[in-house]
Amino acid sequence: DFKQSQYGRIILPFTLLRRMECVLAPTKDEVIKQTFAQEGRPDTVREMILLRAAGQQFFNASPLTLGTLSDTQTAFDLMSYVQSFSKDAREIFEHFH
């Protein structure tokens, strides 16, 4: 349960997360494909390739979406999903704790 004064701390990060997910939706399949194809490459090279595949300044390499989070391990899946964003995007969510 959250107090009414805490709603903004919850709603804003989830609104941002959903917006980022929608922006990345058209290229998600290509990013996932490249994620597997680029395993083992140095992080900087892998990130550049995934950014190009996403066509944005950020990407998410997780096959999960907000709609596919597990009913039984939602918190774990959500953290995994957020951690799969590119470094710059993750920093935004780390700001929200």
PDB file of N, CA and C in Angstrom:
ATOM      1  N   ASP A   1       0.829  -1.185   0.000  1.00  0.00           N
ATOM      2  CA  ASP A   1       0.000   0.000   0.000  1.00  0.00           C
ATOM      3  C   ASP A   1       0.873   1.248   0.000  1.00  0.00           C
ATOM      4  N   PHE A   2       0.423   2.234  -0.715  1.00  0.00           N
ATOM      5  CA  PHE A   2       1.133   3.503  -0.781  1.00  0.00           C
ATOM      6  C   PHE A   2       0.225   4.608  -0.278  1.00  0.00           C
ATOM      7  N   LYS A   3       0.837   5.571   0.386  1.00  0.00           N
ATOM      8  CA  LYS A   3       0.099   6.749   0.812  1.00  0.00           C
ATOM      9  C   LYS A   3      -0.107   7.638  -0.403  1.00  0.00           C
ATOM     10  N   GLN A   4      -1.132   8.471  -0.361  1.00  0.00           N
ATOM     11  CA  GLN A   4      -1.430   9.355  -1.475  1.00  0.00           C
ATOM     12  C   GLN A   4      -0.232  10.245  -1.814  1.00  0.00           C
ATOM     13  N   SER A   5       0.523  10.650  -0.816  1.00  0.00           N
ATOM     14  CA  SER A   5       1.684  11.515  -1.052  1.00  0.00           C
ATOM     15  C   SER A   5       2.808  10.782  -1.781  1.00  0.00           C
ATOM     16  N   GLN A   6       2.754   9.450  -1.828  1.00  0.00           N
ATOM     17  CA  GLN A   6       3.787   8.658  -2.487  1.00  0.00           C
ATOM     18  C   GLN A   6       3.423   8.288  -3.926  1.00  0.00           C
ATOM     19  N   TYR A   7       2.232   8.578  -4.362  1.00  0.00           N
ATOM     20  CA  TYR A   7       1.777   8.169  -5.694  1.00  0.00           C
ATOM     21  C   TYR A   7       2.703   8.660  -6.803  1.00  0.00           C
ATOM     22  N   GLY A   8       3.140   9.909  -6.719  1.00  0.00           N
ATOM     23  CA  GLY A   8       4.009  10.470  -7.752  1.00  0.00           C
ATOM     24  C   GLY A   8       5.313   9.719  -7.894  1.00  0.00           C
ATOM     25  N   ARG A   9       5.851   9.240  -6.777  1.00  0.00           N
ATOM     26  CA  ARG A   9       7.110   8.489  -6.813  1.00  0.00           C
ATOM     27  C   ARG A   9       6.936   7.157  -7.521  1.00  0.00           C
ATOM     28  N   ILE A  10       5.731   6.644  -7.576  1.00  0.00           N
ATOM     29  CA  ILE A  10       5.454   5.364  -8.228  1.00  0.00           C
ATOM     30  C   ILE A  10       4.978   5.587  -9.662  1.00  0.00           C
ATOM     31  N   ILE A  11       4.063   6.515  -9.852  1.00  0.00           N
ATOM     32  CA  ILE A  11       3.451   6.711 -11.164  1.00  0.00           C
ATOM     33  C   ILE A  11       4.445   7.250 -12.185  1.00  0.00           C
ATOM     34  N   LEU A  12       5.272   8.198 -11.814  1.00  0.00           N
ATOM     35  CA  LEU A  12       6.203   8.794 -12.762  1.00  0.00           C
ATOM     36  C   LEU A  12       7.179   7.771 -13.352  1.00  0.00           C
ATOM     37  N   PRO A  13       7.851   6.951 -12.544  1.00  0.00           N
ATOM     38  CA  PRO A  13       8.760   5.967 -13.150  1.00  0.00           C
ATOM     39  C   PRO A  13       8.035   4.956 -14.042  1.00  0.00           C
ATOM     40  N   PHE A  14       6.840   4.532 -13.653  1.00  0.00           N
ATOM     41  CA  PHE A  14       6.111   3.570 -14.480  1.00  0.00           C
ATOM     42  C   PHE A  14       5.601   4.212 -15.768  1.00  0.00           C
ATOM     43  N   THR A  15       5.235   5.471 -15.710  1.00  0.00           N
ATOM     44  CA  THR A  15       4.815   6.185 -16.917  1.00  0.00           C
ATOM     45  C   THR A  15       5.996   6.302 -17.877  1.00  0.00           C
ATOM     46  N   LEU A  16       7.136   6.650 -17.356  1.00  0.00           N
ATOM     47  CA  LEU A  16       8.346   6.745 -18.169  1.00  0.00           C
ATOM     48  C   LEU A  16       8.719   5.380 -18.749  1.00  0.00           C
ATOM     49  N   LEU A  17       8.657   4.356 -17.921  1.00  0.00           N
ATOM     50  CA  LEU A  17       8.980   3.005 -18.377  1.00  0.00           C
ATOM     51  C   LEU A  17       8.064   2.581 -19.523  1.00  0.00           C
ATOM     52  N   ARG A  18       6.789   2.832 -19.385  1.00  0.00           N
ATOM     53  CA  ARG A  18       5.832   2.469 -20.442  1.00  0.00           C
ATOM     54  C   ARG A  18       6.090   3.266 -21.715  1.00  0.00           C
ATOM     55  N   ARG A  19       6.389   4.539 -21.569  1.00  0.00           N
ATOM     56  CA  ARG A  19       6.672   5.373 -22.748  1.00  0.00           C
ATOM     57  C   ARG A  19       7.916   4.864 -23.483  1.00  0.00           C
ATOM     58  N   MET A  20       8.952   4.538 -22.743  1.00  0.00           N
ATOM     59  CA  MET A  20      10.168   4.019 -23.358  1.00  0.00           C
ATOM     60  C   MET A  20       9.887   2.692 -24.061  1.00  0.00           C
ATOM     61  N   GLU A  21       9.078   1.861 -23.440  1.00  0.00           N
ATOM     62  CA  GLU A  21       8.710   0.583 -24.038  1.00  0.00           C
ATOM     63  C   GLU A  21       7.979   0.799 -25.365  1.00  0.00           C
ATOM     64  N   CYS A  22       7.063   1.754 -25.405  1.00  0.00           N
ATOM     65  CA  CYS A  22       6.317   2.044 -26.638  1.00  0.00           C
ATOM     66  C   CYS A  22       7.227   2.570 -27.740  1.00  0.00           C
ATOM     67  N   VAL A  23       8.175   3.422 -27.388  1.00  0.00           N
ATOM     68  CA  VAL A  23       9.112   3.964 -28.375  1.00  0.00           C
ATOM     69  C   VAL A  23       9.959   2.850 -28.979  1.00  0.00           C
ATOM     70  N   LEU A  24      10.323   1.868 -28.171  1.00  0.00           N
ATOM     71  CA  LEU A  24      11.195   0.789 -28.625  1.00  0.00           C
ATOM     72  C   LEU A  24      10.443  -0.372 -29.286  1.00  0.00           C
ATOM     73  N   ALA A  25       9.136  -0.388 -29.192  1.00  0.00           N
ATOM     74  CA  ALA A  25       8.345  -1.521 -29.702  1.00  0.00           C
ATOM     75  C   ALA A  25       8.605  -1.862 -31.170  1.00  0.00           C
ATOM     76  N   PRO A  26       8.697  -0.891 -32.076  1.00  0.00           N
ATOM     77  CA  PRO A  26       8.890  -1.249 -33.484  1.00  0.00           C
ATOM     78  C   PRO A  26      10.196  -1.993 -33.785  1.00  0.00           C
ATOM     79  N   THR A  27      11.210  -1.796 -32.954  1.00  0.00           N
ATOM     80  CA  THR A  27      12.510  -2.427 -33.220  1.00  0.00           C
ATOM     81  C   THR A  27      12.866  -3.505 -32.200  1.00  0.00           C
ATOM     82  N   LYS A  28      11.941  -3.847 -31.314  1.00  0.00           N
ATOM     83  CA  LYS A  28      12.242  -4.792 -30.246  1.00  0.00           C
ATOM     84  C   LYS A  28      12.735  -6.139 -30.764  1.00  0.00           C
ATOM     85  N   ASP A  29      12.071  -6.693 -31.783  1.00  0.00           N
ATOM     86  CA  ASP A  29      12.470  -7.995 -32.303  1.00  0.00           C
ATOM     87  C   ASP A  29      13.897  -7.971 -32.848  1.00  0.00           C
ATOM     88  N   GLU A  30      14.255  -6.906 -33.550  1.00  0.00           N
ATOM     89  CA  GLU A  30      15.616  -6.794 -34.090  1.00  0.00           C
ATOM     90  C   GLU A  30      16.641  -6.659 -32.965  1.00  0.00           C
ATOM     91  N   VAL A  31      16.325  -5.904 -31.938  1.00  0.00           N
ATOM     92  CA  VAL A  31      17.243  -5.745 -30.800  1.00  0.00           C
ATOM     93  C   VAL A  31      17.448  -7.084 -30.095  1.00  0.00           C
ATOM     94  N   ILE A  32      16.379  -7.844 -29.899  1.00  0.00           N
ATOM     95  CA  ILE A  32      16.494  -9.158 -29.254  1.00  0.00           C
ATOM     96  C   ILE A  32      17.353 -10.081 -30.110  1.00  0.00           C
ATOM     97  N   LYS A  33      17.129 -10.057 -31.410  1.00  0.00           N
ATOM     98  CA  LYS A  33      17.918 -10.889 -32.322  1.00  0.00           C
ATOM     99  C   LYS A  33      19.399 -10.515 -32.234  1.00  0.00           C
ATOM    100  N   GLN A  34      19.691  -9.224 -32.244  1.00  0.00           N
ATOM    101  CA  GLN A  34      21.079  -8.766 -32.157  1.00  0.00           C
ATOM    102  C   GLN A  34      21.688  -9.048 -30.780  1.00  0.00           C
ATOM    103  N   THR A  35      20.861  -9.040 -29.742  1.00  0.00           N
ATOM    104  CA  THR A  35      21.357  -9.342 -28.398  1.00  0.00           C
ATOM    105  C   THR A  35      21.989 -10.723 -28.373  1.00  0.00           C
ATOM    106  N   PHE A  36      21.314 -11.703 -28.958  1.00  0.00           N
ATOM    107  CA  PHE A  36      21.850 -13.062 -28.999  1.00  0.00           C
ATOM    108  C   PHE A  36      23.015 -13.173 -29.975  1.00  0.00           C
ATOM    109  N   ALA A  37      22.953 -12.464 -31.092  1.00  0.00           N
ATOM    110  CA  ALA A  37      24.005 -12.525 -32.099  1.00  0.00           C
ATOM    111  C   ALA A  37      25.304 -11.885 -31.613  1.00  0.00           C
ATOM    112  N   GLN A  38      25.204 -10.938 -30.703  1.00  0.00           N
ATOM    113  CA  GLN A  38      26.392 -10.195 -30.256  1.00  0.00           C
ATOM    114  C   GLN A  38      26.928 -10.655 -28.907  1.00  0.00           C
ATOM    115  N   GLU A  39      26.436 -11.776 -28.392  1.00  0.00           N
ATOM    116  CA  GLU A  39      26.945 -12.291 -27.116  1.00  0.00           C
ATOM    117  C   GLU A  39      28.440 -12.541 -27.224  1.00  0.00           C
ATOM    118  N   GLY A  40      29.150 -12.193 -26.172  1.00  0.00           N
ATOM    119  CA  GLY A  40      30.585 -12.421 -26.141  1.00  0.00           C
ATOM    120  C   GLY A  40      31.409 -11.250 -26.668  1.00  0.00           C
ATOM    121  N   ARG A  41      30.783 -10.306 -27.303  1.00  0.00           N
ATOM    122  CA  ARG A  41      31.512  -9.125 -27.775  1.00  0.00           C
ATOM    123  C   ARG A  41      31.753  -8.170 -26.613  1.00  0.00           C
ATOM    124  N   PRO A  42      32.745  -7.303 -26.744  1.00  0.00           N
ATOM    125  CA  PRO A  42      32.967  -6.296 -25.685  1.00  0.00           C
ATOM    126  C   PRO A  42      31.704  -5.443 -25.494  1.00  0.00           C
ATOM    127  N   ASP A  43      31.470  -5.024 -24.275  1.00  0.00           N
ATOM    128  CA  ASP A  43      30.256  -4.271 -23.941  1.00  0.00           C
ATOM    129  C   ASP A  43      30.068  -3.028 -24.803  1.00  0.00           C
ATOM    130  N   THR A  44      31.143  -2.301 -25.063  1.00  0.00           N
ATOM    131  CA  THR A  44      31.007  -1.067 -25.842  1.00  0.00           C
ATOM    132  C   THR A  44      30.588  -1.362 -27.279  1.00  0.00           C
ATOM    133  N   VAL A  45      31.142  -2.401 -27.875  1.00  0.00           N
ATOM    134  CA  VAL A  45      30.783  -2.782 -29.244  1.00  0.00           C
ATOM    135  C   VAL A  45      29.343  -3.273 -29.274  1.00  0.00           C
ATOM    136  N   ARG A  46      29.001  -4.133 -28.328  1.00  0.00           N
ATOM    137  CA  ARG A  46      27.645  -4.685 -28.237  1.00  0.00           C
ATOM    138  C   ARG A  46      26.618  -3.560 -28.078  1.00  0.00           C
ATOM    139  N   GLU A  47      26.927  -2.588 -27.213  1.00  0.00           N
ATOM    140  CA  GLU A  47      26.000  -1.483 -26.982  1.00  0.00           C
ATOM    141  C   GLU A  47      25.813  -0.649 -28.248  1.00  0.00           C
ATOM    142  N   MET A  48      26.873  -0.390 -28.980  1.00  0.00           N
ATOM    143  CA  MET A  48      26.756   0.383 -30.221  1.00  0.00           C
ATOM    144  C   MET A  48      25.872  -0.339 -31.242  1.00  0.00           C
ATOM    145  N   ILE A  49      26.031  -1.651 -31.346  1.00  0.00           N
ATOM    146  CA  ILE A  49      25.236  -2.434 -32.295  1.00  0.00           C
ATOM    147  C   ILE A  49      23.764  -2.436 -31.881  1.00  0.00           C
ATOM    148  N   LEU A  50      23.502  -2.580 -30.590  1.00  0.00           N
ATOM    149  CA  LEU A  50      22.117  -2.599 -30.114  1.00  0.00           C
ATOM    150  C   LEU A  50      21.463  -1.223 -30.238  1.00  0.00           C
ATOM    151  N   LEU A  51      22.225  -0.163 -30.037  1.00  0.00           N
ATOM    152  CA  LEU A  51      21.685   1.185 -30.242  1.00  0.00           C
ATOM    153  C   LEU A  51      21.302   1.387 -31.707  1.00  0.00           C
ATOM    154  N   ARG A  52      22.144   0.901 -32.604  1.00  0.00           N
ATOM    155  CA  ARG A  52      21.844   1.013 -34.034  1.00  0.00           C
ATOM    156  C   ARG A  52      20.592   0.202 -34.366  1.00  0.00           C
ATOM    157  N   ALA A  53      20.476  -0.995 -33.797  1.00  0.00           N
ATOM    158  CA  ALA A  53      19.305  -1.841 -34.055  1.00  0.00           C
ATOM    159  C   ALA A  53      18.027  -1.193 -33.521  1.00  0.00           C
ATOM    160  N   ALA A  54      18.130  -0.504 -32.386  1.00  0.00           N
ATOM    161  CA  ALA A  54      16.964   0.143 -31.785  1.00  0.00           C
ATOM    162  C   ALA A  54      16.570   1.413 -32.533  1.00  0.00           C
ATOM    163  N   GLY A  55      17.522   2.034 -33.189  1.00  0.00           N
ATOM    164  CA  GLY A  55      17.227   3.275 -33.891  1.00  0.00           C
ATOM    165  C   GLY A  55      16.930   4.432 -32.951  1.00  0.00           C
ATOM    166  N   GLN A  56      17.361   4.310 -31.715  1.00  0.00           N
ATOM    167  CA  GLN A  56      17.136   5.328 -30.684  1.00  0.00           C
ATOM    168  C   GLN A  56      18.439   5.560 -29.937  1.00  0.00           C
ATOM    169  N   GLN A  57      18.388   6.430 -28.956  1.00  0.00           N
ATOM    170  CA  GLN A  57      19.565   6.672 -28.119  1.00  0.00           C
ATOM    171  C   GLN A  57      19.593   5.749 -26.912  1.00  0.00           C
ATOM    172  N   PHE A  58      18.691   4.785 -26.879  1.00  0.00           N
ATOM    173  CA  PHE A  58      18.636   3.795 -25.805  1.00  0.00           C
ATOM    174  C   PHE A  58      18.016   2.521 -26.369  1.00  0.00           C
ATOM    175  N   PHE A  59      18.156   1.424 -25.644  1.00  0.00           N
ATOM    176  CA  PHE A  59      17.569   0.151 -26.056  1.00  0.00           C
ATOM    177  C   PHE A  59      17.210  -0.663 -24.826  1.00  0.00           C
ATOM    178  N   ASN A  60      16.462  -1.716 -25.043  1.00  0.00           N
ATOM    179  CA  ASN A  60      16.188  -2.691 -23.998  1.00  0.00           C
ATOM    180  C   ASN A  60      16.395  -4.070 -24.614  1.00  0.00           C
ATOM    181  N   ALA A  61      17.296  -4.846 -24.027  1.00  0.00           N
ATOM    182  CA  ALA A  61      17.679  -6.140 -24.570  1.00  0.00           C
ATOM    183  C   ALA A  61      16.901  -7.299 -23.955  1.00  0.00           C
ATOM    184  N   SER A  62      15.878  -7.018 -23.199  1.00  0.00           N
ATOM    185  CA  SER A  62      15.086  -8.071 -22.556  1.00  0.00           C
ATOM    186  C   SER A  62      13.940  -8.520 -23.457  1.00  0.00           C
ATOM    187  N   PRO A  63      13.658  -9.814 -23.480  1.00  0.00           N
ATOM    188  CA  PRO A  63      12.478 -10.278 -24.206  1.00  0.00           C
ATOM    189  C   PRO A  63      11.178  -9.944 -23.461  1.00  0.00           C
ATOM    190  N   LEU A  64      11.287  -9.503 -22.211  1.00  0.00           N
ATOM    191  CA  LEU A  64      10.114  -9.151 -21.413  1.00  0.00           C
ATOM    192  C   LEU A  64       9.533  -7.809 -21.838  1.00  0.00           C
ATOM    193  N   THR A  65       8.261  -7.617 -21.533  1.00  0.00           N
ATOM    194  CA  THR A  65       7.591  -6.319 -21.634  1.00  0.00           C
ATOM    195  C   THR A  65       6.800  -6.151 -20.348  1.00  0.00           C
ATOM    196  N   LEU A  66       6.232  -4.989 -20.131  1.00  0.00           N
ATOM    197  CA  LEU A  66       5.401  -4.811 -18.936  1.00  0.00           C
ATOM    198  C   LEU A  66       4.217  -5.768 -18.951  1.00  0.00           C
ATOM    199  N   GLY A  67       3.730  -6.093 -20.128  1.00  0.00           N
ATOM    200  CA  GLY A  67       2.601  -7.002 -20.251  1.00  0.00           C
ATOM    201  C   GLY A  67       2.942  -8.470 -20.064  1.00  0.00           C
ATOM    202  N   THR A  68       4.223  -8.814 -20.132  1.00  0.00           N
ATOM    203  CA  THR A  68       4.605 -10.226 -20.001  1.00  0.00           C
ATOM    204  C   THR A  68       5.316 -10.533 -18.690  1.00  0.00           C
ATOM    205  N   LEU A  69       5.315  -9.590 -17.754  1.00  0.00           N
ATOM    206  CA  LEU A  69       5.925  -9.866 -16.448  1.00  0.00           C
ATOM    207  C   LEU A  69       5.160 -10.986 -15.760  1.00  0.00           C
ATOM    208  N   SER A  70       5.862 -11.849 -15.094  1.00  0.00           N
ATOM    209  CA  SER A  70       5.264 -13.003 -14.422  1.00  0.00           C
ATOM    210  C   SER A  70       4.347 -12.576 -13.278  1.00  0.00           C
ATOM    211  N   ASP A  71       3.281 -13.339 -13.080  1.00  0.00           N
ATOM    212  CA  ASP A  71       2.385 -13.091 -11.949  1.00  0.00           C
ATOM    213  C   ASP A  71       2.997 -13.552 -10.634  1.00  0.00           C
ATOM    214  N   THR A  72       3.946 -14.475 -10.689  1.00  0.00           N
ATOM    215  CA  THR A  72       4.506 -15.046  -9.469  1.00  0.00           C
ATOM    216  C   THR A  72       5.838 -14.441  -9.069  1.00  0.00           C
ATOM    217  N   GLN A  73       6.557 -13.874 -10.010  1.00  0.00           N
ATOM    218  CA  GLN A  73       7.845 -13.259  -9.685  1.00  0.00           C
ATOM    219  C   GLN A  73       7.952 -11.884 -10.337  1.00  0.00           C
ATOM    220  N   THR A  74       6.919 -11.094 -10.155  1.00  0.00           N
ATOM    221  CA  THR A  74       6.812  -9.795 -10.809  1.00  0.00           C
ATOM    222  C   THR A  74       7.979  -8.876 -10.458  1.00  0.00           C
ATOM    223  N   ALA A  75       8.336  -8.781  -9.195  1.00  0.00           N
ATOM    224  CA  ALA A  75       9.416  -7.882  -8.780  1.00  0.00           C
ATOM    225  C   ALA A  75      10.736  -8.293  -9.422  1.00  0.00           C
ATOM    226  N   PHE A  76      11.027  -9.580  -9.445  1.00  0.00           N
ATOM    227  CA  PHE A  76      12.262 -10.071 -10.065  1.00  0.00           C
ATOM    228  C   PHE A  76      12.265  -9.760 -11.557  1.00  0.00           C
ATOM    229  N   ASP A  77      11.151 -10.052 -12.237  1.00  0.00           N
ATOM    230  CA  ASP A  77      11.050  -9.787 -13.676  1.00  0.00           C
ATOM    231  C   ASP A  77      11.176  -8.299 -13.976  1.00  0.00           C
ATOM    232  N   LEU A  78      10.545  -7.469 -13.155  1.00  0.00           N
ATOM    233  CA  LEU A  78      10.606  -6.030 -13.368  1.00  0.00           C
ATOM    234  C   LEU A  78      12.042  -5.525 -13.232  1.00  0.00           C
ATOM    235  N   MET A  79      12.748  -5.983 -12.229  1.00  0.00           N
ATOM    236  CA  MET A  79      14.145  -5.571 -12.054  1.00  0.00           C
ATOM    237  C   MET A  79      15.003  -6.057 -13.215  1.00  0.00           C
ATOM    238  N   SER A  80      14.770  -7.270 -13.661  1.00  0.00           N
ATOM    239  CA  SER A  80      15.501  -7.815 -14.809  1.00  0.00           C
ATOM    240  C   SER A  80      15.225  -6.986 -16.060  1.00  0.00           C
ATOM    241  N   TYR A  81      13.970  -6.612 -16.252  1.00  0.00           N
ATOM    242  CA  TYR A  81      13.563  -5.814 -17.402  1.00  0.00           C
ATOM    243  C   TYR A  81      14.250  -4.444 -17.388  1.00  0.00           C
ATOM    244  N   VAL A  82      14.224  -3.775 -16.252  1.00  0.00           N
ATOM    245  CA  VAL A  82      14.836  -2.450 -16.129  1.00  0.00           C
ATOM    246  C   VAL A  82      16.354  -2.545 -16.311  1.00  0.00           C
ATOM    247  N   GLN A  83      16.976  -3.592 -15.777  1.00  0.00           N
ATOM    248  CA  GLN A  83      18.421  -3.764 -15.911  1.00  0.00           C
ATOM    249  C   GLN A  83      18.845  -4.069 -17.343  1.00  0.00           C
ATOM    250  N   SER A  84      17.905  -4.442 -18.196  1.00  0.00           N
ATOM    251  CA  SER A  84      18.213  -4.759 -19.593  1.00  0.00           C
ATOM    252  C   SER A  84      18.218  -3.525 -20.495  1.00  0.00           C
ATOM    253  N   PHE A  85      17.908  -2.356 -19.937  1.00  0.00           N
ATOM    254  CA  PHE A  85      18.015  -1.121 -20.705  1.00  0.00           C
ATOM    255  C   PHE A  85      19.488  -0.761 -20.869  1.00  0.00           C
ATOM    256  N   SER A  86      19.769   0.054 -21.856  1.00  0.00           N
ATOM    257  CA  SER A  86      21.133   0.546 -22.049  1.00  0.00           C
ATOM    258  C   SER A  86      21.545   1.367 -20.831  1.00  0.00           C
ATOM    259  N   LYS A  87      22.839   1.570 -20.706  1.00  0.00           N
ATOM    260  CA  LYS A  87      23.400   2.217 -19.513  1.00  0.00           C
ATOM    261  C   LYS A  87      22.755   3.570 -19.207  1.00  0.00           C
ATOM    262  N   ASP A  88      22.638   4.421 -20.205  1.00  0.00           N
ATOM    263  CA  ASP A  88      22.074   5.757 -19.978  1.00  0.00           C
ATOM    264  C   ASP A  88      20.624   5.694 -19.504  1.00  0.00           C
ATOM    265  N   ALA A  89      19.848   4.789 -20.059  1.00  0.00           N
ATOM    266  CA  ALA A  89      18.448   4.640 -19.647  1.00  0.00           C
ATOM    267  C   ALA A  89      18.354   4.092 -18.225  1.00  0.00           C
ATOM    268  N   ARG A  90      19.224   3.157 -17.872  1.00  0.00           N
ATOM    269  CA  ARG A  90      19.226   2.606 -16.502  1.00  0.00           C
ATOM    270  C   ARG A  90      19.498   3.686 -15.476  1.00  0.00           C
ATOM    271  N   GLU A  91      20.348   4.639 -15.812  1.00  0.00           N
ATOM    272  CA  GLU A  91      20.669   5.713 -14.877  1.00  0.00           C
ATOM    273  C   GLU A  91      19.429   6.520 -14.506  1.00  0.00           C
ATOM    274  N   ILE A  92      18.514   6.666 -15.433  1.00  0.00           N
ATOM    275  CA  ILE A  92      17.267   7.378 -15.150  1.00  0.00           C
ATOM    276  C   ILE A  92      16.486   6.634 -14.077  1.00  0.00           C
ATOM    277  N   PHE A  93      16.371   5.322 -14.209  1.00  0.00           N
ATOM    278  CA  PHE A  93      15.610   4.539 -13.236  1.00  0.00           C
ATOM    279  C   PHE A  93      16.331   4.436 -11.907  1.00  0.00           C
ATOM    280  N   GLU A  94      17.645   4.442 -11.919  1.00  0.00           N
ATOM    281  CA  GLU A  94      18.393   4.434 -10.660  1.00  0.00           C
ATOM    282  C   GLU A  94      18.134   5.723  -9.879  1.00  0.00           C
ATOM    283  N   HIS A  95      17.905   6.807 -10.597  1.00  0.00           N
ATOM    284  CA  HIS A  95      17.561   8.073  -9.945  1.00  0.00           C
ATOM    285  C   HIS A  95      16.266   7.948  -9.147  1.00  0.00           C
ATOM    286  N   PHE A  96      15.309   7.159  -9.653  1.00  0.00           N
ATOM    287  CA  PHE A  96      14.037   6.965  -8.975  1.00  0.00           C
ATOM    288  C   PHE A  96      14.105   5.935  -7.853  1.00  0.00           C
ATOM    289  N   HIS A  97      15.207   5.219  -7.751  1.00  0.00           N
ATOM    290  CA  HIS A  97      15.384   4.139  -6.765  1.00  0.00           C
ATOM    291  C   HIS A  97      14.377   3.038  -7.005  1.00  0.00           C
TER     292      HIS A  97
END
